[in-house]
Amino acid sequence: MIIELIFIILLIAVASIIMNFILDIGSTILKIAAHFIAGWILLSIINILPGIHIPINIITVAISGFGGVVGTVLLAILYLIF
């Protein structure tokens, strides 16, 4: 009886550690996804401007998403220069 009780306590402890780890990773993945969506929206808005057509691919979305407005403006300036 005591061995089963100790086993259940250890099982609950290990399960809680694993769930905590999974939730931390899930939170990070959701934050990265939110940055990519924000970058895609910013690039879509800036492509409405006449004379600027920045291709929307994974690299430009990442730069725009993680760089924010500054990253998007930097992409627009680089597009106009080159």
PDB file of N, CA and C in Angstrom:
ATOM      1  N   MET A   1       0.819  -1.193   0.000  1.00  0.00           N
ATOM      2  CA  MET A   1       0.000   0.000   0.000  1.00  0.00           C
ATOM      3  C   MET A   1       0.865   1.261   0.000  1.00  0.00           C
ATOM      4  N   ILE A   2       1.889   1.270   0.820  1.00  0.00           N
ATOM      5  CA  ILE A   2       2.761   2.446   0.906  1.00  0.00           C
ATOM      6  C   ILE A   2       3.570   2.596  -0.374  1.00  0.00           C
ATOM      7  N   ILE A   3       3.989   1.493  -0.971  1.00  0.00           N
ATOM      8  CA  ILE A   3       4.765   1.557  -2.203  1.00  0.00           C
ATOM      9  C   ILE A   3       3.920   2.150  -3.326  1.00  0.00           C
ATOM     10  N   GLU A   4       2.652   1.745  -3.405  1.00  0.00           N
ATOM     11  CA  GLU A   4       1.774   2.304  -4.424  1.00  0.00           C
ATOM     12  C   GLU A   4       1.545   3.794  -4.210  1.00  0.00           C
ATOM     13  N   LEU A   5       1.408   4.202  -2.959  1.00  0.00           N
ATOM     14  CA  LEU A   5       1.204   5.615  -2.643  1.00  0.00           C
ATOM     15  C   LEU A   5       2.429   6.436  -3.027  1.00  0.00           C
ATOM     16  N   ILE A   6       3.616   5.943  -2.747  1.00  0.00           N
ATOM     17  CA  ILE A   6       4.855   6.633  -3.127  1.00  0.00           C
ATOM     18  C   ILE A   6       4.972   6.698  -4.645  1.00  0.00           C
ATOM     19  N   PHE A   7       4.604   5.604  -5.322  1.00  0.00           N
ATOM     20  CA  PHE A   7       4.646   5.582  -6.776  1.00  0.00           C
ATOM     21  C   PHE A   7       3.701   6.625  -7.376  1.00  0.00           C
ATOM     22  N   ILE A   8       2.517   6.756  -6.833  1.00  0.00           N
ATOM     23  CA  ILE A   8       1.545   7.735  -7.332  1.00  0.00           C
ATOM     24  C   ILE A   8       2.048   9.159  -7.097  1.00  0.00           C
ATOM     25  N   ILE A   9       2.637   9.410  -5.946  1.00  0.00           N
ATOM     26  CA  ILE A   9       3.177  10.742  -5.646  1.00  0.00           C
ATOM     27  C   ILE A   9       4.307  11.081  -6.611  1.00  0.00           C
ATOM     28  N   LEU A  10       5.200  10.127  -6.866  1.00  0.00           N
ATOM     29  CA  LEU A  10       6.290  10.358  -7.814  1.00  0.00           C
ATOM     30  C   LEU A  10       5.756  10.559  -9.235  1.00  0.00           C
ATOM     31  N   LEU A  11       4.735   9.800  -9.598  1.00  0.00           N
ATOM     32  CA  LEU A  11       4.137   9.936 -10.912  1.00  0.00           C
ATOM     33  C   LEU A  11       3.498  11.314 -11.100  1.00  0.00           C
ATOM     34  N   ILE A  12       2.829  11.801 -10.085  1.00  0.00           N
ATOM     35  CA  ILE A  12       2.223  13.139 -10.139  1.00  0.00           C
ATOM     36  C   ILE A  12       3.299  14.216 -10.221  1.00  0.00           C
ATOM     37  N   ALA A  13       4.398  14.050  -9.483  1.00  0.00           N
ATOM     38  CA  ALA A  13       5.484  15.026  -9.511  1.00  0.00           C
ATOM     39  C   ALA A  13       6.133  15.081 -10.893  1.00  0.00           C
ATOM     40  N   VAL A  14       6.398  13.924 -11.474  1.00  0.00           N
ATOM     41  CA  VAL A  14       7.011  13.884 -12.804  1.00  0.00           C
ATOM     42  C   VAL A  14       6.051  14.458 -13.843  1.00  0.00           C
ATOM     43  N   ALA A  15       4.765  14.130 -13.753  1.00  0.00           N
ATOM     44  CA  ALA A  15       3.777  14.647 -14.701  1.00  0.00           C
ATOM     45  C   ALA A  15       3.669  16.167 -14.598  1.00  0.00           C
ATOM     46  N   SER A  16       3.743  16.712 -13.395  1.00  0.00           N
ATOM     47  CA  SER A  16       3.655  18.167 -13.248  1.00  0.00           C
ATOM     48  C   SER A  16       4.887  18.861 -13.822  1.00  0.00           C
ATOM     49  N   ILE A  17       6.049  18.261 -13.677  1.00  0.00           N
ATOM     50  CA  ILE A  17       7.265  18.840 -14.262  1.00  0.00           C
ATOM     51  C   ILE A  17       7.183  18.812 -15.784  1.00  0.00           C
ATOM     52  N   ILE A  18       6.704  17.708 -16.346  1.00  0.00           N
ATOM     53  CA  ILE A  18       6.574  17.592 -17.795  1.00  0.00           C
ATOM     54  C   ILE A  18       5.538  18.582 -18.319  1.00  0.00           C
ATOM     55  N   MET A  19       4.420  18.737 -17.642  1.00  0.00           N
ATOM     56  CA  MET A  19       3.387  19.684 -18.077  1.00  0.00           C
ATOM     57  C   MET A  19       3.897  21.122 -18.022  1.00  0.00           C
ATOM     58  N   ASN A  20       4.670  21.451 -16.995  1.00  0.00           N
ATOM     59  CA  ASN A  20       5.255  22.789 -16.887  1.00  0.00           C
ATOM     60  C   ASN A  20       6.185  23.054 -18.069  1.00  0.00           C
ATOM     61  N   PHE A  21       6.994  22.071 -18.426  1.00  0.00           N
ATOM     62  CA  PHE A  21       7.914  22.196 -19.555  1.00  0.00           C
ATOM     63  C   PHE A  21       7.148  22.373 -20.862  1.00  0.00           C
ATOM     64  N   ILE A  22       6.095  21.607 -21.063  1.00  0.00           N
ATOM     65  CA  ILE A  22       5.291  21.696 -22.286  1.00  0.00           C
ATOM     66  C   ILE A  22       4.609  23.060 -22.379  1.00  0.00           C
ATOM     67  N   LEU A  23       4.098  23.571 -21.281  1.00  0.00           N
ATOM     68  CA  LEU A  23       3.443  24.873 -21.305  1.00  0.00           C
ATOM     69  C   LEU A  23       4.433  26.003 -21.589  1.00  0.00           C
ATOM     70  N   ASP A  24       5.663  25.876 -21.088  1.00  0.00           N
ATOM     71  CA  ASP A  24       6.684  26.890 -21.387  1.00  0.00           C
ATOM     72  C   ASP A  24       7.022  26.897 -22.870  1.00  0.00           C
ATOM     73  N   ILE A  25       7.181  25.726 -23.454  1.00  0.00           N
ATOM     74  CA  ILE A  25       7.492  25.639 -24.879  1.00  0.00           C
ATOM     75  C   ILE A  25       6.308  26.144 -25.704  1.00  0.00           C
ATOM     76  N   GLY A  26       5.103  25.784 -25.310  1.00  0.00           N
ATOM     77  CA  GLY A  26       3.918  26.237 -26.022  1.00  0.00           C
ATOM     78  C   GLY A  26       3.777  27.746 -25.993  1.00  0.00           C
ATOM     79  N   SER A  27       4.113  28.350 -24.878  1.00  0.00           N
ATOM     80  CA  SER A  27       4.053  29.803 -24.762  1.00  0.00           C
ATOM     81  C   SER A  27       5.039  30.458 -25.727  1.00  0.00           C
ATOM     82  N   THR A  28       6.233  29.899 -25.823  1.00  0.00           N
ATOM     83  CA  THR A  28       7.243  30.441 -26.721  1.00  0.00           C
ATOM     84  C   THR A  28       6.807  30.288 -28.177  1.00  0.00           C
ATOM     85  N   ILE A  29       6.235  29.149 -28.517  1.00  0.00           N
ATOM     86  CA  ILE A  29       5.777  28.925 -29.884  1.00  0.00           C
ATOM     87  C   ILE A  29       4.659  29.898 -30.234  1.00  0.00           C
ATOM     88  N   LEU A  30       3.754  30.157 -29.293  1.00  0.00           N
ATOM     89  CA  LEU A  30       2.673  31.113 -29.553  1.00  0.00           C
ATOM     90  C   LEU A  30       3.208  32.525 -29.742  1.00  0.00           C
ATOM     91  N   LYS A  31       4.225  32.902 -28.981  1.00  0.00           N
ATOM     92  CA  LYS A  31       4.817  34.231 -29.141  1.00  0.00           C
ATOM     93  C   LYS A  31       5.479  34.376 -30.509  1.00  0.00           C
ATOM     94  N   ILE A  32       6.191  33.347 -30.948  1.00  0.00           N
ATOM     95  CA  ILE A  32       6.833  33.390 -32.257  1.00  0.00           C
ATOM     96  C   ILE A  32       5.782  33.469 -33.353  1.00  0.00           C
ATOM     97  N   ALA A  33       4.709  32.699 -33.219  1.00  0.00           N
ATOM     98  CA  ALA A  33       3.632  32.739 -34.219  1.00  0.00           C
ATOM     99  C   ALA A  33       2.982  34.123 -34.266  1.00  0.00           C
ATOM    100  N   ALA A  34       2.809  34.742 -33.117  1.00  0.00           N
ATOM    101  CA  ALA A  34       2.225  36.088 -33.080  1.00  0.00           C
ATOM    102  C   ALA A  34       3.135  37.098 -33.773  1.00  0.00           C
ATOM    103  N   HIS A  35       4.445  36.968 -33.599  1.00  0.00           N
ATOM    104  CA  HIS A  35       5.386  37.860 -34.276  1.00  0.00           C
ATOM    105  C   HIS A  35       5.317  37.677 -35.788  1.00  0.00           C
ATOM    106  N   PHE A  36       5.230  36.430 -36.236  1.00  0.00           N
ATOM    107  CA  PHE A  36       5.158  36.182 -37.671  1.00  0.00           C
ATOM    108  C   PHE A  36       3.861  36.740 -38.266  1.00  0.00           C
ATOM    109  N   ILE A  37       2.760  36.597 -37.555  1.00  0.00           N
ATOM    110  CA  ILE A  37       1.487  37.136 -38.043  1.00  0.00           C
ATOM    111  C   ILE A  37       1.544  38.660 -38.095  1.00  0.00           C
ATOM    112  N   ALA A  38       2.131  39.270 -37.067  1.00  0.00           N
ATOM    113  CA  ALA A  38       2.261  40.737 -37.064  1.00  0.00           C
ATOM    114  C   ALA A  38       3.159  41.204 -38.210  1.00  0.00           C
ATOM    115  N   GLY A  39       4.222  40.485 -38.479  1.00  0.00           N
ATOM    116  CA  GLY A  39       5.108  40.828 -39.591  1.00  0.00           C
ATOM    117  C   GLY A  39       4.404  40.716 -40.927  1.00  0.00           C
ATOM    118  N   TRP A  40       3.596  39.676 -41.087  1.00  0.00           N
ATOM    119  CA  TRP A  40       2.843  39.510 -42.331  1.00  0.00           C
ATOM    120  C   TRP A  40       1.853  40.654 -42.527  1.00  0.00           C
ATOM    121  N   ILE A  41       1.189  41.059 -41.450  1.00  0.00           N
ATOM    122  CA  ILE A  41       0.236  42.174 -41.531  1.00  0.00           C
ATOM    123  C   ILE A  41       0.960  43.483 -41.862  1.00  0.00           C
ATOM    124  N   LEU A  42       2.092  43.732 -41.216  1.00  0.00           N
ATOM    125  CA  LEU A  42       2.853  44.958 -41.509  1.00  0.00           C
ATOM    126  C   LEU A  42       3.328  44.985 -42.958  1.00  0.00           C
ATOM    127  N   LEU A  43       3.805  43.848 -43.466  1.00  0.00           N
ATOM    128  CA  LEU A  43       4.243  43.809 -44.859  1.00  0.00           C
ATOM    129  C   LEU A  43       3.072  43.997 -45.818  1.00  0.00           C
ATOM    130  N   SER A  44       1.926  43.454 -45.473  1.00  0.00           N
ATOM    131  CA  SER A  44       0.750  43.634 -46.323  1.00  0.00           C
ATOM    132  C   SER A  44       0.343  45.100 -46.361  1.00  0.00           C
ATOM    133  N   ILE A  45       0.428  45.776 -45.232  1.00  0.00           N
ATOM    134  CA  ILE A  45       0.075  47.205 -45.180  1.00  0.00           C
ATOM    135  C   ILE A  45       1.064  48.035 -45.991  1.00  0.00           C
ATOM    136  N   ILE A  46       2.361  47.728 -45.847  1.00  0.00           N
ATOM    137  CA  ILE A  46       3.360  48.544 -46.558  1.00  0.00           C
ATOM    138  C   ILE A  46       3.331  48.270 -48.060  1.00  0.00           C
ATOM    139  N   ASN A  47       2.871  47.094 -48.484  1.00  0.00           N
ATOM    140  CA  ASN A  47       2.781  46.800 -49.916  1.00  0.00           C
ATOM    141  C   ASN A  47       1.626  47.533 -50.584  1.00  0.00           C
ATOM    142  N   ILE A  48       0.729  48.105 -49.816  1.00  0.00           N
ATOM    143  CA  ILE A  48      -0.359  48.910 -50.383  1.00  0.00           C
ATOM    144  C   ILE A  48       0.190  50.231 -50.920  1.00  0.00           C
ATOM    145  N   LEU A  49       1.277  50.736 -50.311  1.00  0.00           N
ATOM    146  CA  LEU A  49       1.860  52.002 -50.760  1.00  0.00           C
ATOM    147  C   LEU A  49       2.351  51.876 -52.196  1.00  0.00           C
ATOM    148  N   PRO A  50       2.144  52.912 -53.007  1.00  0.00           N
ATOM    149  CA  PRO A  50       2.602  52.832 -54.405  1.00  0.00           C
ATOM    150  C   PRO A  50       4.124  52.889 -54.500  1.00  0.00           C
ATOM    151  N   GLY A  51       4.657  52.071 -55.389  1.00  0.00           N
ATOM    152  CA  GLY A  51       6.102  52.070 -55.615  1.00  0.00           C
ATOM    153  C   GLY A  51       6.869  51.126 -54.715  1.00  0.00           C
ATOM    154  N   ILE A  52       6.234  50.541 -53.747  1.00  0.00           N
ATOM    155  CA  ILE A  52       6.918  49.616 -52.842  1.00  0.00           C
ATOM    156  C   ILE A  52       6.235  48.257 -52.946  1.00  0.00           C
ATOM    157  N   HIS A  53       7.009  47.267 -53.322  1.00  0.00           N
ATOM    158  CA  HIS A  53       6.494  45.902 -53.340  1.00  0.00           C
ATOM    159  C   HIS A  53       7.570  44.985 -52.758  1.00  0.00           C
ATOM    160  N   ILE A  54       7.497  44.769 -51.468  1.00  0.00           N
ATOM    161  CA  ILE A  54       8.428  43.885 -50.779  1.00  0.00           C
ATOM    162  C   ILE A  54       7.857  42.474 -50.871  1.00  0.00           C
ATOM    163  N   PRO A  55       8.611  41.527 -51.399  1.00  0.00           N
ATOM    164  CA  PRO A  55       8.084  40.164 -51.479  1.00  0.00           C
ATOM    165  C   PRO A  55       7.835  39.591 -50.083  1.00  0.00           C
ATOM    166  N   ILE A  56       6.718  38.919 -49.942  1.00  0.00           N
ATOM    167  CA  ILE A  56       6.373  38.334 -48.644  1.00  0.00           C
ATOM    168  C   ILE A  56       6.850  36.885 -48.641  1.00  0.00           C
ATOM    169  N   ASN A  57       7.946  36.647 -47.926  1.00  0.00           N
ATOM    170  CA  ASN A  57       8.450  35.299 -47.734  1.00  0.00           C
ATOM    171  C   ASN A  57       8.851  35.141 -46.266  1.00  0.00           C
ATOM    172  N   ILE A  58       9.371  34.002 -45.914  1.00  0.00           N
ATOM    173  CA  ILE A  58       9.641  33.707 -44.500  1.00  0.00           C
ATOM    174  C   ILE A  58      10.690  34.653 -43.910  1.00  0.00           C
ATOM    175  N   ILE A  59      11.672  35.057 -44.700  1.00  0.00           N
ATOM    176  CA  ILE A  59      12.730  35.930 -44.186  1.00  0.00           C
ATOM    177  C   ILE A  59      12.203  37.341 -43.936  1.00  0.00           C
ATOM    178  N   THR A  60      11.463  37.884 -44.908  1.00  0.00           N
ATOM    179  CA  THR A  60      10.957  39.249 -44.724  1.00  0.00           C
ATOM    180  C   THR A  60       9.891  39.303 -43.630  1.00  0.00           C
ATOM    181  N   VAL A  61       9.093  38.251 -43.509  1.00  0.00           N
ATOM    182  CA  VAL A  61       8.098  38.208 -42.435  1.00  0.00           C
ATOM    183  C   VAL A  61       8.783  38.143 -41.075  1.00  0.00           C
ATOM    184  N   ALA A  62       9.866  37.369 -40.978  1.00  0.00           N
ATOM    185  CA  ALA A  62      10.600  37.277 -39.709  1.00  0.00           C
ATOM    186  C   ALA A  62      11.249  38.615 -39.359  1.00  0.00           C
ATOM    187  N   ILE A  63      11.854  39.272 -40.347  1.00  0.00           N
ATOM    188  CA  ILE A  63      12.477  40.580 -40.086  1.00  0.00           C
ATOM    189  C   ILE A  63      11.426  41.596 -39.670  1.00  0.00           C
ATOM    190  N   SER A  64      10.309  41.588 -40.375  1.00  0.00           N
ATOM    191  CA  SER A  64       9.249  42.540 -40.064  1.00  0.00           C
ATOM    192  C   SER A  64       8.575  42.217 -38.739  1.00  0.00           C
ATOM    193  N   GLY A  65       8.389  40.938 -38.447  1.00  0.00           N
ATOM    194  CA  GLY A  65       7.715  40.543 -37.208  1.00  0.00           C
ATOM    195  C   GLY A  65       8.544  40.809 -35.973  1.00  0.00           C
ATOM    196  N   PHE A  66       9.818  40.428 -36.023  1.00  0.00           N
ATOM    197  CA  PHE A  66      10.661  40.620 -34.851  1.00  0.00           C
ATOM    198  C   PHE A  66      11.232  42.027 -34.783  1.00  0.00           C
ATOM    199  N   GLY A  67      11.350  42.698 -35.926  1.00  0.00           N
ATOM    200  CA  GLY A  67      11.850  44.066 -35.939  1.00  0.00           C
ATOM    201  C   GLY A  67      10.767  45.102 -35.727  1.00  0.00           C
ATOM    202  N   GLY A  68       9.516  44.686 -35.914  1.00  0.00           N
ATOM    203  CA  GLY A  68       8.401  45.603 -35.724  1.00  0.00           C
ATOM    204  C   GLY A  68       8.350  46.636 -36.833  1.00  0.00           C
ATOM    205  N   VAL A  69       7.901  47.819 -36.482  1.00  0.00           N
ATOM    206  CA  VAL A  69       7.783  48.905 -37.465  1.00  0.00           C
ATOM    207  C   VAL A  69       9.169  49.292 -37.975  1.00  0.00           C
ATOM    208  N   VAL A  70      10.161  49.279 -37.097  1.00  0.00           N
ATOM    209  CA  VAL A  70      11.521  49.635 -37.506  1.00  0.00           C
ATOM    210  C   VAL A  70      12.039  48.638 -38.536  1.00  0.00           C
ATOM    211  N   GLY A  71      11.804  47.362 -38.317  1.00  0.00           N
ATOM    212  CA  GLY A  71      12.230  46.348 -39.277  1.00  0.00           C
ATOM    213  C   GLY A  71      11.524  46.484 -40.607  1.00  0.00           C
ATOM    214  N   THR A  72      10.241  46.807 -40.578  1.00  0.00           N
ATOM    215  CA  THR A  72       9.485  46.985 -41.816  1.00  0.00           C
ATOM    216  C   THR A  72       9.977  48.217 -42.570  1.00  0.00           C
ATOM    217  N   VAL A  73      10.229  49.309 -41.871  1.00  0.00           N
ATOM    218  CA  VAL A  73      10.758  50.516 -42.518  1.00  0.00           C
ATOM    219  C   VAL A  73      12.146  50.238 -43.087  1.00  0.00           C
ATOM    220  N   LEU A  74      12.963  49.489 -42.377  1.00  0.00           N
ATOM    221  CA  LEU A  74      14.288  49.114 -42.878  1.00  0.00           C
ATOM    222  C   LEU A  74      14.174  48.293 -44.161  1.00  0.00           C
ATOM    223  N   LEU A  75      13.242  47.349 -44.190  1.00  0.00           N
ATOM    224  CA  LEU A  75      13.015  46.573 -45.415  1.00  0.00           C
ATOM    225  C   LEU A  75      12.568  47.469 -46.561  1.00  0.00           C
ATOM    226  N   ALA A  76      11.697  48.438 -46.275  1.00  0.00           N
ATOM    227  CA  ALA A  76      11.230  49.342 -47.325  1.00  0.00           C
ATOM    228  C   ALA A  76      12.384  50.197 -47.853  1.00  0.00           C
ATOM    229  N   ILE A  77      13.213  50.693 -46.967  1.00  0.00           N
ATOM    230  CA  ILE A  77      14.368  51.520 -47.385  1.00  0.00           C
ATOM    231  C   ILE A  77      15.324  50.689 -48.217  1.00  0.00           C
ATOM    232  N   LEU A  78      15.605  49.470 -47.768  1.00  0.00           N
ATOM    233  CA  LEU A  78      16.503  48.607 -48.544  1.00  0.00           C
ATOM    234  C   LEU A  78      15.902  48.251 -49.901  1.00  0.00           C
ATOM    235  N   TYR A  79      14.593  48.079 -49.955  1.00  0.00           N
ATOM    236  CA  TYR A  79      13.951  47.795 -51.238  1.00  0.00           C
ATOM    237  C   TYR A  79      14.066  48.991 -52.173  1.00  0.00           C
ATOM    238  N   LEU A  80      13.913  50.194 -51.636  1.00  0.00           N
ATOM    239  CA  LEU A  80      14.019  51.376 -52.476  1.00  0.00           C
ATOM    240  C   LEU A  80      15.453  51.635 -52.932  1.00  0.00           C
ATOM    241  N   ILE A  81      16.438  51.290 -52.098  1.00  0.00           N
ATOM    242  CA  ILE A  81      17.834  51.500 -52.455  1.00  0.00           C
ATOM    243  C   ILE A  81      18.266  50.491 -53.521  1.00  0.00           C
ATOM    244  N   PHE A  82      17.901  49.245 -53.318  1.00  0.00           N
ATOM    245  CA  PHE A  82      18.352  48.197 -54.255  1.00  0.00           C
ATOM    246  C   PHE A  82      17.226  47.901 -55.194  1.00  0.00           C
TER     247      PHE A  82
END
